[in-house]
């Protein structure tokens, strides 16, 4: 499965940096608490863009970003879990779910639904999983620019 990642260029100059999961050590996300190695990717470039954009503070200067593509073997990705109807509003639940998956090391990657774009999928990657291979990265770093219409105050 080809997955997409859009990350700040200063943190993703190399494939090793873009997919090391270090961001999870310093910040929390919908699917993990601070202190976990995790990489967020998306099934489409547009969703990766939306997920990156939601974290930007609207300003006149947008930092540089890179776009990466990684090809994770389908057999190493768990399918989207059955979640309760109100999962979007229960961040502690989704964080506990993601943390449990990361700790169990059952798979290299796990599809999870996007809270931003209904019916689209994010894919969490566990870079600490013994089967993870940085050689799966097939493209990047490619500079990525947000259309200015998306970032106007």
Protein backbone atom coordinates (compact mmCIF):
# COMPACT_ATOMS: atom_id res chain seq x y z
CA UNK A 1 0.00 0.00 0.00
CA UNK A 2 1.41 3.36 -0.99
CA UNK A 3 1.05 5.89 1.83
CA UNK A 4 1.73 9.62 1.97
CA UNK A 5 3.32 11.83 4.58
CA UNK A 6 3.62 15.61 4.63
CA UNK A 7 5.97 16.84 7.33
CA UNK A 8 7.88 19.96 8.23
CA UNK A 9 11.03 20.05 6.11
CA UNK A 10 13.20 20.85 9.13
CA UNK A 11 12.13 17.52 10.66
CA UNK A 12 12.02 15.45 7.46
CA UNK A 13 15.11 16.18 5.41
CA UNK A 14 15.91 12.45 5.16
CA UNK A 15 13.79 9.32 5.05
CA UNK A 16 15.25 8.25 8.38
CA UNK A 17 14.13 11.52 9.99
CA UNK A 18 10.71 11.55 8.30
CA UNK A 19 9.88 8.03 9.49
CA UNK A 20 11.64 7.78 12.86
CA UNK A 21 8.49 8.60 14.86
CA UNK A 22 10.31 11.14 17.04
CA UNK A 23 7.47 13.64 16.72
CA UNK A 24 5.34 11.34 18.86
CA UNK A 25 7.82 11.67 21.68
CA UNK A 26 7.24 15.41 21.91
CA UNK A 27 3.59 15.85 20.99
CA UNK A 28 0.35 13.99 21.35
CA UNK A 29 -2.06 13.13 18.57
CA UNK A 30 -5.49 11.69 18.07
CA UNK A 31 -4.09 8.15 18.14
CA UNK A 32 -1.31 8.39 20.73
CA UNK A 33 -0.16 10.20 23.86
CA UNK A 34 3.13 12.06 24.14
CA UNK A 35 6.13 9.77 24.53
CA UNK A 36 5.33 7.20 21.82
CA UNK A 37 7.23 6.59 18.59
CA UNK A 38 4.62 6.82 15.83
CA UNK A 39 4.39 8.04 12.25
CA UNK A 40 1.12 9.35 10.83
CA UNK A 41 0.53 8.77 7.12
CA UNK A 42 -2.52 8.92 4.86
CA UNK A 43 -3.90 6.90 1.98
CA UNK A 44 -3.92 9.97 -0.30
CA UNK A 45 -1.80 13.09 -0.68
CA UNK A 46 -4.87 15.31 -0.21
CA UNK A 47 -5.62 13.75 3.18
CA UNK A 48 -1.97 14.04 4.24
CA UNK A 49 -2.20 17.73 3.30
CA UNK A 50 -5.42 18.24 5.27
CA UNK A 51 -3.93 16.52 8.32
CA UNK A 52 -0.81 18.72 8.18
CA UNK A 53 -2.85 21.85 7.50
CA UNK A 54 -5.11 21.37 10.52
CA UNK A 55 -2.07 21.73 12.77
CA UNK A 56 -0.82 24.96 11.24
CA UNK A 57 -1.53 28.25 12.90
CA UNK A 58 -2.83 30.65 10.31
CA UNK A 59 -0.18 33.23 9.58
CA UNK A 60 1.51 35.00 6.72
CA UNK A 61 4.56 32.73 6.85
CA UNK A 62 4.20 29.01 6.39
CA UNK A 63 7.25 26.85 7.05
CA UNK A 64 8.63 24.55 4.39
CA UNK A 65 7.17 21.05 4.12
CA UNK A 66 8.21 17.82 2.41
CA UNK A 67 6.05 15.14 0.83
CA UNK A 68 7.13 11.52 1.23
CA UNK A 69 5.73 8.23 -0.09
CA UNK A 70 6.26 4.85 1.51
CA UNK A 71 5.17 1.44 0.19
CA UNK A 72 4.19 -0.74 3.16
CA UNK A 73 3.42 -4.39 2.34
CA UNK A 74 -0.33 -4.97 2.63
CA UNK A 75 0.17 -8.05 4.81
CA UNK A 76 1.80 -5.85 7.49
CA UNK A 77 -1.11 -3.40 7.78
CA UNK A 78 -4.08 -4.06 10.05
CA UNK A 79 -7.44 -3.01 8.65
CA UNK A 80 -9.58 -0.23 10.06
CA UNK A 81 -10.95 -1.20 13.48
CA UNK A 82 -14.61 -1.24 14.44
CA UNK A 83 -15.01 1.85 16.59
CA UNK A 84 -17.90 3.19 18.66
CA UNK A 85 -20.09 5.78 16.87
CA UNK A 86 -18.75 8.68 18.95
CA UNK A 87 -15.04 7.89 18.50
CA UNK A 88 -14.31 11.32 16.96
CA UNK A 89 -15.40 13.04 20.17
CA UNK A 90 -13.50 10.69 22.48
CA UNK A 91 -9.80 11.49 22.02
CA UNK A 92 -8.77 9.65 25.21
CA UNK A 93 -10.37 6.52 23.72
CA UNK A 94 -8.54 6.84 20.39
CA UNK A 95 -5.26 7.62 22.14
CA UNK A 96 -5.62 4.53 24.35
CA UNK A 97 -6.44 2.46 21.26
CA UNK A 98 -3.35 3.69 19.40
CA UNK A 99 -1.08 3.33 22.42
CA UNK A 100 -2.23 -0.26 22.96
CA UNK A 101 -1.59 -1.08 19.30
CA UNK A 102 1.89 0.51 19.43
CA UNK A 103 2.80 -1.37 22.61
CA UNK A 104 1.53 -4.73 21.34
CA UNK A 105 3.61 -4.51 18.13
CA UNK A 106 1.04 -6.69 16.35
CA UNK A 107 1.75 -5.06 12.99
CA UNK A 108 3.96 -2.49 11.34
CA UNK A 109 0.98 -0.33 10.39
CA UNK A 110 -2.69 0.14 11.18
CA UNK A 111 -5.39 1.91 9.20
CA UNK A 112 -7.52 4.30 11.26
CA UNK A 113 -10.31 6.59 10.09
CA UNK A 114 -9.66 10.26 9.47
CA UNK A 115 -11.53 12.61 11.77
CA UNK A 116 -11.18 15.34 9.14
CA UNK A 117 -12.29 13.59 5.97
CA UNK A 118 -15.10 11.04 6.30
CA UNK A 119 -14.40 7.73 4.54
CA UNK A 120 -10.67 8.44 4.11
CA UNK A 121 -8.00 6.62 6.06
CA UNK A 122 -4.91 7.56 7.95
CA UNK A 123 -2.34 4.87 8.54
CA UNK A 124 -0.27 4.76 11.69
CA UNK A 125 3.22 3.32 11.31
CA UNK A 126 5.12 1.85 14.24
CA UNK A 127 8.79 2.55 13.42
CA UNK A 128 9.82 0.48 16.48
CA UNK A 129 8.26 -2.67 15.01
CA UNK A 130 10.99 -5.20 14.14
CA UNK A 131 9.67 -5.63 10.58
CA UNK A 132 9.63 -1.90 9.74
CA UNK A 133 12.05 -1.17 6.90
CA UNK A 134 13.09 2.35 5.91
CA UNK A 135 13.85 0.96 2.43
CA UNK A 136 10.08 0.98 1.82
CA UNK A 137 10.31 4.75 1.27
CA UNK A 138 9.87 5.19 -2.48
CA UNK A 139 9.71 8.97 -2.94
CA UNK A 140 10.86 12.08 -1.16
CA UNK A 141 11.75 14.48 0.06
CA UNK A 142 9.73 16.48 -2.43
CA UNK A 143 9.04 20.08 -1.44
CA UNK A 144 5.36 20.57 -0.69
CA UNK A 145 3.65 23.94 -0.86
CA UNK A 146 0.22 24.77 0.49
CA UNK A 147 -1.91 26.86 -1.84
CA UNK A 148 -1.99 30.33 -0.24
CA UNK A 149 -5.79 30.30 -0.35
CA UNK A 150 -5.72 27.54 2.27
CA UNK A 151 -3.56 29.47 4.70
CA UNK A 152 -5.01 32.97 4.65
CA UNK A 153 -6.10 34.35 8.03
